[in-house]
PDB file of N, CA and C in Angstrom:
ATOM      1  N   MET A   1     123.109 -51.786 -15.725  1.00  0.00           N
ATOM      2  CA  MET A   1     123.697 -50.701 -14.986  1.00  0.00           C
ATOM      3  C   MET A   1     122.639 -49.892 -15.047  1.00  0.00           C
ATOM      4  N   ILE A   2     122.666 -49.275 -13.984  1.00  0.00           N
ATOM      5  CA  ILE A   2     121.502 -48.322 -14.031  1.00  0.00           C
ATOM      6  C   ILE A   2     122.568 -46.925 -12.887  1.00  0.00           C
ATOM      7  N   THR A   3     122.707 -45.899 -13.393  1.00  0.00           N
ATOM      8  CA  THR A   3     123.806 -44.628 -12.810  1.00  0.00           C
ATOM      9  C   THR A   3     122.527 -43.666 -12.396  1.00  0.00           C
ATOM     10  N   VAL A   4     122.961 -43.497 -10.972  1.00  0.00           N
ATOM     11  CA  VAL A   4     122.113 -42.298 -10.341  1.00  0.00           C
ATOM     12  C   VAL A   4     123.517 -41.248  -9.850  1.00  0.00           C
ATOM     13  N   GLY A   5     122.683 -39.696 -10.655  1.00  0.00           N
ATOM     14  CA  GLY A   5     123.406 -39.090 -10.656  1.00  0.00           C
ATOM     15  C   GLY A   5     122.533 -37.811  -9.390  1.00  0.00           C
ATOM     16  N   ILE A   6     123.687 -36.720  -8.660  1.00  0.00           N
ATOM     17  CA  ILE A   6     122.792 -35.735  -7.588  1.00  0.00           C
ATOM     18  C   ILE A   6     123.334 -34.601  -8.130  1.00  0.00           C
ATOM     19  N   ASP A   7     122.595 -33.560  -7.972  1.00  0.00           N
ATOM     20  CA  ASP A   7     123.257 -31.929  -8.351  1.00  0.00           C
ATOM     21  C   ASP A   7     122.663 -31.342  -7.172  1.00  0.00           C
ATOM     22  N   PRO A   8     123.722 -31.232  -6.446  1.00  0.00           N
ATOM     23  CA  PRO A   8     123.556 -30.723  -5.084  1.00  0.00           C
ATOM     24  C   PRO A   8     123.227 -29.094  -5.225  1.00  0.00           C
ATOM     25  N   HIS A   9     122.334 -28.726  -4.271  1.00  0.00           N
ATOM     26  CA  HIS A   9     122.164 -27.019  -4.177  1.00  0.00           C
ATOM     27  C   HIS A   9     122.303 -26.897  -2.424  1.00  0.00           C
ATOM     28  N   LYS A  10     122.101 -25.624  -2.124  1.00  0.00           N
ATOM     29  CA  LYS A  10     121.928 -25.205  -0.759  1.00  0.00           C
ATOM     30  C   LYS A  10     121.059 -25.693  -0.058  1.00  0.00           C
ATOM     31  N   SER A  11     119.615 -25.744  -0.891  1.00  0.00           N
ATOM     32  CA  SER A  11     118.443 -26.211  -0.348  1.00  0.00           C
ATOM     33  C   SER A  11     117.931 -27.438  -0.891  1.00  0.00           C
ATOM     34  N   ALA A  12     118.562 -28.235  -1.641  1.00  0.00           N
ATOM     35  CA  ALA A  12     117.671 -29.018  -2.116  1.00  0.00           C
ATOM     36  C   ALA A  12     118.806 -29.790  -3.131  1.00  0.00           C
ATOM     37  N   LEU A  13     118.631 -31.113  -3.432  1.00  0.00           N
ATOM     38  CA  LEU A  13     119.281 -32.118  -4.180  1.00  0.00           C
ATOM     39  C   LEU A  13     118.198 -32.512  -5.353  1.00  0.00           C
ATOM     40  N   THR A  14     118.785 -32.530  -6.178  1.00  0.00           N
ATOM     41  CA  THR A  14     118.163 -33.454  -7.725  1.00  0.00           C
ATOM     42  C   THR A  14     118.952 -34.437  -7.851  1.00  0.00           C
ATOM     43  N   ALA A  15     118.001 -35.864  -7.816  1.00  0.00           N
ATOM     44  CA  ALA A  15     118.339 -36.490  -8.238  1.00  0.00           C
ATOM     45  C   ALA A  15     118.021 -37.654  -9.329  1.00  0.00           C
ATOM     46  N   VAL A  16     118.462 -37.980 -10.421  1.00  0.00           N
ATOM     47  CA  VAL A  16     118.367 -38.744 -11.565  1.00  0.00           C
ATOM     48  C   VAL A  16     118.693 -40.302 -11.712  1.00  0.00           C
ATOM     49  N   ALA A  17     117.986 -41.078 -12.218  1.00  0.00           N
ATOM     50  CA  ALA A  17     118.403 -42.366 -12.322  1.00  0.00           C
ATOM     51  C   ALA A  17     118.170 -42.716 -14.066  1.00  0.00           C
ATOM     52  N   LEU A  18     119.358 -42.893 -14.568  1.00  0.00           N
ATOM     53  CA  LEU A  18     119.559 -43.045 -15.985  1.00  0.00           C
ATOM     54  C   LEU A  18     119.876 -44.713 -16.206  1.00  0.00           C
ATOM     55  N   ASP A  19     119.222 -45.316 -17.506  1.00  0.00           N
ATOM     56  CA  ASP A  19     119.781 -46.733 -18.332  1.00  0.00           C
ATOM     57  C   ASP A  19     121.339 -46.634 -18.738  1.00  0.00           C
ATOM     58  N   GLU A  20     121.543 -47.684 -19.011  1.00  0.00           N
ATOM     59  CA  GLU A  20     122.799 -47.812 -19.681  1.00  0.00           C
ATOM     60  C   GLU A  20     122.777 -47.061 -21.002  1.00  0.00           C
ATOM     61  N   THR A  21     121.389 -46.722 -21.435  1.00  0.00           N
ATOM     62  CA  THR A  21     121.537 -46.159 -22.936  1.00  0.00           C
ATOM     63  C   THR A  21     121.373 -44.450 -22.327  1.00  0.00           C
ATOM     64  N   GLY A  22     120.998 -44.331 -21.440  1.00  0.00           N
ATOM     65  CA  GLY A  22     121.129 -42.751 -20.924  1.00  0.00           C
ATOM     66  C   GLY A  22     119.533 -42.536 -20.638  1.00  0.00           C
ATOM     67  N   HIS A  23     118.513 -43.291 -21.076  1.00  0.00           N
ATOM     68  CA  HIS A  23     117.278 -42.933 -20.833  1.00  0.00           C
ATOM     69  C   HIS A  23     116.653 -42.606 -19.426  1.00  0.00           C
ATOM     70  N   LEU A  24     116.139 -41.738 -19.265  1.00  0.00           N
ATOM     71  CA  LEU A  24     115.794 -41.180 -18.022  1.00  0.00           C
ATOM     72  C   LEU A  24     114.582 -42.123 -17.180  1.00  0.00           C
ATOM     73  N   LEU A  25     115.224 -42.748 -16.085  1.00  0.00           N
ATOM     74  CA  LEU A  25     114.122 -43.718 -15.376  1.00  0.00           C
ATOM     75  C   LEU A  25     113.306 -42.745 -14.867  1.00  0.00           C
ATOM     76  N   ALA A  26     113.875 -42.209 -13.516  1.00  0.00           N
ATOM     77  CA  ALA A  26     112.970 -41.629 -12.485  1.00  0.00           C
ATOM     78  C   ALA A  26     113.790 -40.380 -12.159  1.00  0.00           C
ATOM     79  N   THR A  27     113.278 -39.325 -11.435  1.00  0.00           N
ATOM     80  CA  THR A  27     113.770 -38.009 -11.080  1.00  0.00           C
ATOM     81  C   THR A  27     113.502 -37.658  -9.420  1.00  0.00           C
ATOM     82  N   ARG A  28     113.905 -37.106  -8.835  1.00  0.00           N
ATOM     83  CA  ARG A  28     113.569 -37.124  -7.767  1.00  0.00           C
ATOM     84  C   ARG A  28     114.360 -35.807  -6.954  1.00  0.00           C
ATOM     85  N   ARG A  29     113.307 -34.683  -6.456  1.00  0.00           N
ATOM     86  CA  ARG A  29     113.745 -33.665  -5.971  1.00  0.00           C
ATOM     87  C   ARG A  29     113.614 -33.583  -4.253  1.00  0.00           C
ATOM     88  N   ILE A  30     114.945 -33.655  -3.679  1.00  0.00           N
ATOM     89  CA  ILE A  30     114.636 -33.762  -1.974  1.00  0.00           C
ATOM     90  C   ILE A  30     115.213 -32.412  -1.288  1.00  0.00           C
ATOM     91  N   THR A  31     114.387 -31.980  -0.188  1.00  0.00           N
ATOM     92  CA  THR A  31     114.863 -31.236   0.592  1.00  0.00           C
ATOM     93  C   THR A  31     115.952 -31.141   1.472  1.00  0.00           C
ATOM     94  N   VAL A  32     116.814 -30.502   1.198  1.00  0.00           N
ATOM     95  CA  VAL A  32     117.976 -30.554   2.452  1.00  0.00           C
ATOM     96  C   VAL A  32     117.948 -30.658   3.837  1.00  0.00           C
ATOM     97  N   ASN A  33     117.899 -31.577   4.909  1.00  0.00           N
ATOM     98  CA  ASN A  33     117.535 -31.422   5.728  1.00  0.00           C
ATOM     99  C   ASN A  33     118.130 -32.693   6.555  1.00  0.00           C
ATOM    100  N   THR A  34     117.773 -32.995   7.862  1.00  0.00           N
ATOM    101  CA  THR A  34     118.236 -33.914   8.336  1.00  0.00           C
ATOM    102  C   THR A  34     118.297 -35.476   7.871  1.00  0.00           C
ATOM    103  N   ALA A  35     116.920 -35.469   7.287  1.00  0.00           N
ATOM    104  CA  ALA A  35     116.562 -36.510   6.666  1.00  0.00           C
ATOM    105  C   ALA A  35     116.947 -36.966   5.398  1.00  0.00           C
ATOM    106  N   ALA A  36     117.726 -35.749   4.632  1.00  0.00           N
ATOM    107  CA  ALA A  36     117.778 -36.084   2.937  1.00  0.00           C
ATOM    108  C   ALA A  36     118.783 -37.216   2.892  1.00  0.00           C
ATOM    109  N   TYR A  37     119.810 -37.502   3.328  1.00  0.00           N
ATOM    110  CA  TYR A  37     120.775 -38.622   3.096  1.00  0.00           C
ATOM    111  C   TYR A  37     119.593 -39.812   2.718  1.00  0.00           C
ATOM    112  N   LYS A  38     118.988 -40.168   3.773  1.00  0.00           N
ATOM    113  CA  LYS A  38     118.022 -41.417   4.234  1.00  0.00           C
ATOM    114  C   LYS A  38     117.034 -41.752   3.274  1.00  0.00           C
ATOM    115  N   THR A  39     116.683 -40.369   2.830  1.00  0.00           N
ATOM    116  CA  THR A  39     115.626 -40.243   2.169  1.00  0.00           C
ATOM    117  C   THR A  39     116.164 -40.772   0.498  1.00  0.00           C
ATOM    118  N   LEU A  40     117.331 -40.273   0.523  1.00  0.00           N
ATOM    119  CA  LEU A  40     118.208 -40.454  -1.029  1.00  0.00           C
ATOM    120  C   LEU A  40     118.413 -41.994  -1.490  1.00  0.00           C
ATOM    121  N   THR A  41     119.051 -42.315   0.184  1.00  0.00           N
ATOM    122  CA  THR A  41     119.601 -43.803  -0.212  1.00  0.00           C
ATOM    123  C   THR A  41     118.228 -44.553  -0.266  1.00  0.00           C
ATOM    124  N   ASP A  42     117.082 -44.478   0.337  1.00  0.00           N
ATOM    125  CA  ASP A  42     115.916 -45.114   0.228  1.00  0.00           C
ATOM    126  C   ASP A  42     115.625 -45.247  -0.945  1.00  0.00           C
ATOM    127  N   TRP A  43     115.341 -43.866  -1.799  1.00  0.00           N
ATOM    128  CA  TRP A  43     115.085 -43.797  -3.296  1.00  0.00           C
ATOM    129  C   TRP A  43     115.985 -44.594  -4.181  1.00  0.00           C
ATOM    130  N   ALA A  44     117.544 -44.549  -4.072  1.00  0.00           N
ATOM    131  CA  ALA A  44     118.104 -44.955  -4.858  1.00  0.00           C
ATOM    132  C   ALA A  44     117.942 -46.302  -4.685  1.00  0.00           C
ATOM    133  N   ALA A  45     117.905 -46.901  -3.504  1.00  0.00           N
ATOM    134  CA  ALA A  45     118.032 -48.564  -3.133  1.00  0.00           C
ATOM    135  C   ALA A  45     116.716 -49.522  -4.207  1.00  0.00           C
ATOM    136  N   ARG A  46     115.929 -48.819  -4.996  1.00  0.00           N
ATOM    137  CA  ARG A  46     115.112 -49.717  -5.937  1.00  0.00           C
ATOM    138  C   ARG A  46     115.820 -50.066  -6.796  1.00  0.00           C
ATOM    139  N   TRP A  47     116.938 -49.456  -7.228  1.00  0.00           N
ATOM    140  CA  TRP A  47     118.060 -50.554  -8.457  1.00  0.00           C
ATOM    141  C   TRP A  47     119.214 -50.849  -7.540  1.00  0.00           C
ATOM    142  N   PRO A  48     119.157 -52.428  -7.465  1.00  0.00           N
ATOM    143  CA  PRO A  48     120.538 -52.714  -6.757  1.00  0.00           C
ATOM    144  C   PRO A  48     121.952 -52.835  -7.362  1.00  0.00           C
ATOM    145  N   GLN A  49     121.349 -52.657  -9.045  1.00  0.00           N
ATOM    146  CA  GLN A  49     122.377 -52.380  -9.755  1.00  0.00           C
ATOM    147  C   GLN A  49     122.956 -51.541 -10.154  1.00  0.00           C
ATOM    148  N   ARG A  50     122.633 -50.603  -9.691  1.00  0.00           N
ATOM    149  CA  ARG A  50     123.251 -48.951  -9.741  1.00  0.00           C
ATOM    150  C   ARG A  50     124.401 -48.770  -9.341  1.00  0.00           C
ATOM    151  N   ARG A  51     125.387 -47.964 -10.105  1.00  0.00           N
ATOM    152  CA  ARG A  51     126.062 -47.270 -10.067  1.00  0.00           C
ATOM    153  C   ARG A  51     126.362 -45.217 -10.129  1.00  0.00           C
ATOM    154  N   SER A  52     127.251 -45.197  -8.547  1.00  0.00           N
ATOM    155  CA  SER A  52     126.672 -43.609  -8.443  1.00  0.00           C
ATOM    156  C   SER A  52     128.082 -42.464  -8.188  1.00  0.00           C
TER     157      SER A  52
END
């Protein structure tokens, strides 16, 4: 199981993916704009077994 967490701010989102032991797999900073949601979901899609 992969956990995806998001830290939202006014101008950017920071997302992280952690494995079941809490090991950091990836991190991504996304500027908040009209494409941010799609960018975030596309990034998270690489882990189909994710939990958000």
